[in-house]
Amino acid sequence: MPLVKRNIEPRHLCRGALPDGVTSELECVTNSTLAAIIKQLGGLSRHAEDIFGELFNEANSFYVRMSSLQERVDQLAVKVTQLDSTVEEVSLQDINMRKAFKSSTIQDQQVVSRTSVPNPVVEMYHRCDKPPPLNILSPYRDDKKDALKFYTDPSYFFNLWKEKMLQATEDKRKEKRRQKVCDQCVSVCVSLCVCEQQRNVEDPGREVKKVRKARNRRQEWNVLAYDKEFRPDARLTPSPYHGMSSEGSLSPDSRAFVAPLWRL
């Protein structure tokens, strides 16, 4: 929603009702139009004065900032010309012992506040209608909330901004904590790898144990179900116990070969 900063009144020069008992209507309209024009010129001159006043204040603040910056540049130029890299040698220890640089520049704060509101906006604010006196209903509410804030709440956007900033700060804190834990884990893993490499270097003749692969009987039965030329691994030698299951019974694949022997 656009906000009109300056409004020149009256907006309509010739619009208005004629008073009763006017003998010359044309003369009355002419006089009222002339009065409205004079009033518009007065409002325009007042706004022009306010505009030039704001320009003067901004130019003055800009001049003060530029003067301060020029003074700092001059001081820095003098210090740079006095330095001699061939004579003065500063060790790394002396650099670490020195205090860190701290800027003395004062940052602008509370830029958007009630004191920084332009005069035309303040006048427009005072001309607006006041909100209804809903605060007299606050003692009768069970939740103890201000009844007027349900109609208008100037601090709503500030509270919303504050919640977002606090949430962003908390997210950054959690991210830093998570990153710190990850860095610690990485450092521990790196230290373990370095220790293992050192042990291998110190004892190169140490025997490395090989872990035997777990035996899967069901997979062996599935392999034996194929002919030798169709088996995935022809080098697989069947175990002498491949015909027996873990419960002592014959496997389903071996029953087809043993059944004819029973019939004989």
Protein backbone atom coordinates (compact mmCIF):
# COMPACT_ATOMS: atom_id res chain seq x y z
CA MET A 1 0.00 0.00 0.00
CA PRO A 2 1.65 3.29 -1.07
CA LEU A 3 1.90 6.00 1.55
CA VAL A 4 1.49 9.60 0.47
CA LYS A 5 4.16 11.59 2.24
CA ARG A 6 2.95 15.07 1.32
CA ASN A 7 -0.57 16.04 0.43
CA ILE A 8 -1.49 19.51 -0.81
CA GLU A 9 -4.99 20.62 0.11
CA PRO A 10 -7.55 21.53 -1.02
CA ARG A 11 -7.50 19.09 -3.90
CA HIS A 12 -10.69 20.40 -5.55
CA LEU A 13 -10.73 24.16 -6.11
CA CYS A 14 -14.22 24.83 -7.42
CA ARG A 15 -16.12 22.03 -5.74
CA GLY A 16 -18.36 23.16 -2.91
CA ALA A 17 -21.89 24.12 -1.99
CA LEU A 18 -23.02 27.70 -2.36
CA PRO A 19 -24.40 29.35 0.76
CA ASP A 20 -28.00 30.45 0.85
CA GLY A 21 -28.95 34.00 -0.05
CA VAL A 22 -26.15 34.58 -2.59
CA THR A 23 -27.14 37.11 -5.21
CA SER A 24 -24.19 36.59 -7.57
CA GLU A 25 -23.28 32.91 -7.84
CA LEU A 26 -20.48 33.49 -10.37
CA GLU A 27 -18.76 35.99 -8.10
CA CYS A 28 -19.09 33.60 -5.14
CA VAL A 29 -17.56 30.69 -7.08
CA THR A 30 -14.72 32.92 -8.31
CA ASN A 31 -13.89 34.13 -4.81
CA SER A 32 -13.97 30.60 -3.35
CA THR A 33 -11.74 29.32 -6.17
CA LEU A 34 -9.26 32.14 -5.59
CA ALA A 35 -9.20 31.41 -1.86
CA ALA A 36 -8.59 27.71 -2.55
CA ILE A 37 -5.70 28.58 -4.90
CA ILE A 38 -4.12 30.80 -2.24
CA LYS A 39 -4.52 28.00 0.29
CA GLN A 40 -2.88 25.54 -2.11
CA LEU A 41 0.04 27.92 -2.64
CA GLY A 42 0.44 28.23 1.13
CA GLY A 43 0.51 24.44 1.53
CA LEU A 44 2.94 24.13 -1.38
CA SER A 45 5.30 26.70 0.15
CA ARG A 46 5.15 24.91 3.50
CA HIS A 47 6.01 21.57 1.87
CA ALA A 48 8.79 23.24 -0.14
CA GLU A 49 10.27 24.62 3.07
CA ASP A 50 10.12 21.16 4.64
CA ILE A 51 11.76 19.57 1.58
CA PHE A 52 14.62 22.07 1.57
CA GLY A 53 15.04 21.57 5.32
CA GLU A 54 15.39 17.81 4.85
CA LEU A 55 17.89 18.35 2.04
CA PHE A 56 19.91 20.68 4.27
CA ASN A 57 19.97 18.13 7.11
CA GLU A 58 21.02 15.29 4.78
CA ALA A 59 23.72 17.44 3.17
CA ASN A 60 24.99 18.48 6.60
CA SER A 61 25.18 14.87 7.83
CA PHE A 62 26.91 13.86 4.59
CA TYR A 63 29.44 16.67 5.06
CA VAL A 64 30.16 15.57 8.64
CA ARG A 65 30.72 11.97 7.54
CA MET A 66 32.99 13.01 4.67
CA SER A 67 35.00 15.27 6.97
CA SER A 68 35.48 12.42 9.44
CA LEU A 69 36.50 10.08 6.61
CA GLN A 70 38.96 12.63 5.21
CA GLU A 71 40.51 13.09 8.65
CA ARG A 72 40.98 9.33 9.03
CA VAL A 73 42.52 9.09 5.55
CA ASP A 74 44.98 11.91 6.40
CA GLN A 75 46.02 10.19 9.62
CA LEU A 76 46.50 6.91 7.79
CA ALA A 77 48.60 8.62 5.10
CA VAL A 78 50.88 10.10 7.77
CA LYS A 79 51.33 6.70 9.44
CA VAL A 80 52.07 4.99 6.13
CA THR A 81 54.75 7.53 5.20
CA GLN A 82 56.44 7.03 8.58
CA LEU A 83 56.73 3.25 8.17
CA ASP A 84 59.97 1.76 6.87
CA SER A 85 59.98 -1.95 6.12
CA THR A 86 63.80 -2.12 5.90
CA VAL A 87 64.34 -0.77 9.41
CA GLU A 88 61.44 -2.02 11.46
CA GLU A 89 61.02 -5.75 11.58
CA VAL A 90 58.15 -7.14 13.57
CA SER A 91 58.29 -10.77 14.58
CA LEU A 92 55.33 -13.10 14.45
CA GLN A 93 55.25 -13.31 18.24
CA ASP A 94 55.00 -9.53 18.57
CA ILE A 95 52.15 -9.47 16.09
CA ASN A 96 50.24 -12.06 18.11
CA MET A 97 50.86 -10.15 21.33
CA ARG A 98 49.38 -6.94 19.96
CA LYS A 99 45.77 -6.08 20.53
CA ALA A 100 43.35 -6.67 17.71
CA PHE A 101 42.12 -3.69 15.76
CA LYS A 102 38.82 -2.33 16.99
CA SER A 103 36.98 0.27 14.99
CA SER A 104 35.73 3.34 16.83
CA THR A 105 33.14 4.17 14.19
CA ILE A 106 29.65 4.51 15.62
CA GLN A 107 27.07 2.67 13.57
CA ASP A 108 23.71 4.26 12.85
CA GLN A 109 21.04 2.75 15.06
CA GLN A 110 17.28 3.16 15.30
CA VAL A 111 17.08 4.52 11.79
CA VAL A 112 13.39 3.67 11.55
CA SER A 113 11.92 5.01 14.78
CA ARG A 114 9.26 7.46 15.89
CA THR A 115 11.78 10.30 16.06
CA SER A 116 12.84 9.76 12.44
CA VAL A 117 9.31 10.04 11.03
CA PRO A 118 9.00 13.03 8.65
CA ASN A 119 6.86 15.95 9.75
CA PRO A 120 4.20 15.50 7.02
CA VAL A 121 3.67 11.88 8.07
CA VAL A 122 3.37 12.95 11.72
CA GLU A 123 0.75 15.54 10.79
CA MET A 124 -1.15 12.95 8.76
CA TYR A 125 -0.98 10.55 11.71
CA HIS A 126 -2.44 13.12 14.09
CA ARG A 127 -5.25 13.93 11.66
CA CYS A 128 -6.36 10.30 11.51
CA ASP A 129 -9.26 9.03 13.58
CA LYS A 130 -8.36 7.46 16.89
CA PRO A 131 -9.09 3.74 17.40
CA PRO A 132 -12.18 2.83 19.41
CA PRO A 133 -11.66 2.50 23.18
CA LEU A 134 -11.55 -1.27 23.19
CA ASN A 135 -9.01 -1.32 26.03
CA ILE A 136 -11.85 -0.88 28.52
CA LEU A 137 -12.87 -4.47 27.68
CA SER A 138 -9.47 -5.93 28.61
CA PRO A 139 -10.36 -6.59 32.31
CA TYR A 140 -13.27 -8.78 31.19
CA ARG A 141 -11.18 -11.11 29.02
CA ASP A 142 -10.29 -14.53 30.43
CA ASP A 143 -6.96 -14.76 28.57
CA LYS A 144 -5.77 -11.41 30.03
CA LYS A 145 -4.89 -10.07 26.57
CA ASP A 146 -5.21 -6.49 25.45
CA ALA A 147 -8.48 -6.12 23.57
CA LEU A 148 -7.22 -3.15 21.58
CA LYS A 149 -4.50 -5.28 19.94
CA PHE A 150 -7.17 -7.32 18.18
CA TYR A 151 -8.19 -4.13 16.39
CA THR A 152 -4.75 -2.56 15.87
CA ASP A 153 -1.31 -3.71 16.97
CA PRO A 154 1.61 -1.44 15.99
CA SER A 155 4.14 -3.86 17.49
CA TYR A 156 2.96 -6.84 15.39
CA PHE A 157 5.53 -6.45 12.61
CA PHE A 158 8.33 -5.81 15.09
CA ASN A 159 7.46 -8.96 17.03
CA LEU A 160 7.27 -10.92 13.79
CA TRP A 161 10.69 -9.64 12.73
CA LYS A 162 12.10 -10.42 16.19
CA GLU A 163 10.82 -14.01 16.05
CA LYS A 164 12.38 -14.53 12.62
CA MET A 165 15.71 -13.11 13.76
CA LEU A 166 15.74 -15.28 16.89
CA GLN A 167 14.87 -18.35 14.81
CA ALA A 168 17.65 -17.56 12.33
CA THR A 169 20.12 -17.11 15.20
CA GLU A 170 19.07 -20.43 16.73
CA ASP A 171 19.43 -22.19 13.37
CA LYS A 172 22.92 -20.78 12.92
CA ARG A 173 23.84 -21.88 16.43
CA LYS A 174 22.61 -25.42 15.75
CA GLU A 175 24.47 -25.49 12.43
CA LYS A 176 27.70 -24.40 14.12
CA ARG A 177 27.21 -27.03 16.82
CA ARG A 178 26.56 -29.72 14.21
CA GLN A 179 29.59 -28.60 12.21
CA LYS A 180 31.71 -28.71 15.35
CA VAL A 181 30.61 -32.29 16.07
CA CYS A 182 31.35 -33.29 12.47
CA ASP A 183 34.79 -31.70 12.67
CA GLN A 184 35.50 -33.59 15.88
CA CYS A 185 34.43 -36.87 14.27
CA VAL A 186 36.62 -36.17 11.24
CA SER A 187 39.59 -35.33 13.45
CA VAL A 188 39.11 -38.56 15.44
CA CYS A 189 38.91 -40.61 12.23
CA VAL A 190 42.01 -38.92 10.85
CA SER A 191 43.92 -39.54 14.07
CA LEU A 192 42.89 -43.22 14.03
CA CYS A 193 44.01 -43.58 10.42
CA VAL A 194 47.33 -41.92 11.23
CA CYS A 195 47.84 -44.23 14.21
CA GLU A 196 47.06 -47.28 12.07
CA GLN A 197 49.49 -46.15 9.39
CA GLN A 198 52.17 -45.59 12.01
CA ARG A 199 51.60 -49.08 13.39
CA ASN A 200 51.91 -50.55 9.91
CA VAL A 201 55.11 -48.62 9.31
CA GLU A 202 56.60 -49.62 12.67
CA ASP A 203 55.67 -53.32 12.27
CA PRO A 204 55.62 -54.14 8.54
CA GLY A 205 55.92 -57.90 9.18
CA ARG A 206 52.74 -58.10 11.18
CA GLU A 207 50.35 -60.67 9.83
CA VAL A 208 47.06 -59.32 8.60
CA LYS A 209 44.22 -61.62 9.54
CA LYS A 210 41.71 -62.42 6.85
CA VAL A 211 38.13 -62.80 7.91
CA ARG A 212 36.52 -65.95 6.57
CA LYS A 213 33.38 -65.41 4.61
CA ALA A 214 30.21 -66.67 6.26
CA ARG A 215 28.86 -69.91 4.86
CA ASN A 216 25.44 -69.81 3.26
CA ARG A 217 23.98 -73.30 2.80
CA ARG A 218 20.90 -72.13 0.94
CA GLN A 219 23.07 -70.41 -1.63
CA GLU A 220 25.13 -73.59 -2.03
CA TRP A 221 21.97 -75.61 -2.62
CA ASN A 222 20.79 -73.14 -5.23
CA VAL A 223 24.15 -73.40 -7.01
CA LEU A 224 24.12 -77.21 -6.92
CA ALA A 225 20.65 -77.24 -8.46
CA TYR A 226 22.22 -76.22 -11.80
CA ASP A 227 24.38 -78.44 -13.97
CA LYS A 228 28.11 -77.88 -13.89
CA GLU A 229 28.21 -75.97 -17.15
CA PHE A 230 25.38 -73.63 -16.03
CA ARG A 231 26.68 -72.90 -12.55
CA PRO A 232 27.73 -69.30 -11.86
CA ASP A 233 31.01 -70.47 -10.36
CA ALA A 234 32.27 -73.77 -11.75
CA ARG A 235 35.21 -73.75 -9.36
CA LEU A 236 32.90 -74.16 -6.37
CA THR A 237 33.55 -77.60 -4.88
CA PRO A 238 30.57 -79.10 -3.09
CA SER A 239 30.96 -79.75 0.58
CA PRO A 240 30.66 -83.34 1.79
CA TYR A 241 27.77 -82.11 3.91
CA HIS A 242 25.94 -80.28 1.15
CA GLY A 243 23.24 -82.93 1.02
CA MET A 244 22.27 -82.44 4.65
CA SER A 245 20.39 -79.49 6.06
CA SER A 246 21.05 -77.86 9.40
CA GLU A 247 18.32 -80.02 10.97
CA GLY A 248 19.87 -83.29 9.78
CA SER A 249 17.36 -83.86 6.98
CA LEU A 250 18.04 -84.02 3.29
CA SER A 251 17.93 -80.78 1.35
CA PRO A 252 15.23 -80.32 -1.29
CA ASP A 253 17.83 -80.33 -4.05
CA SER A 254 19.37 -83.66 -3.03
CA ARG A 255 16.10 -85.52 -2.57
CA ALA A 256 15.66 -85.78 -6.33
CA PHE A 257 18.95 -87.69 -6.59
CA VAL A 258 18.51 -89.89 -3.52
CA ALA A 259 14.92 -90.97 -4.18
CA PRO A 260 15.79 -93.46 -6.97
CA LEU A 261 18.24 -95.19 -4.61
CA TRP A 262 15.44 -95.82 -2.13
CA ARG A 263 13.31 -97.39 -4.81
CA LEU A 264 16.11 -99.79 -5.68
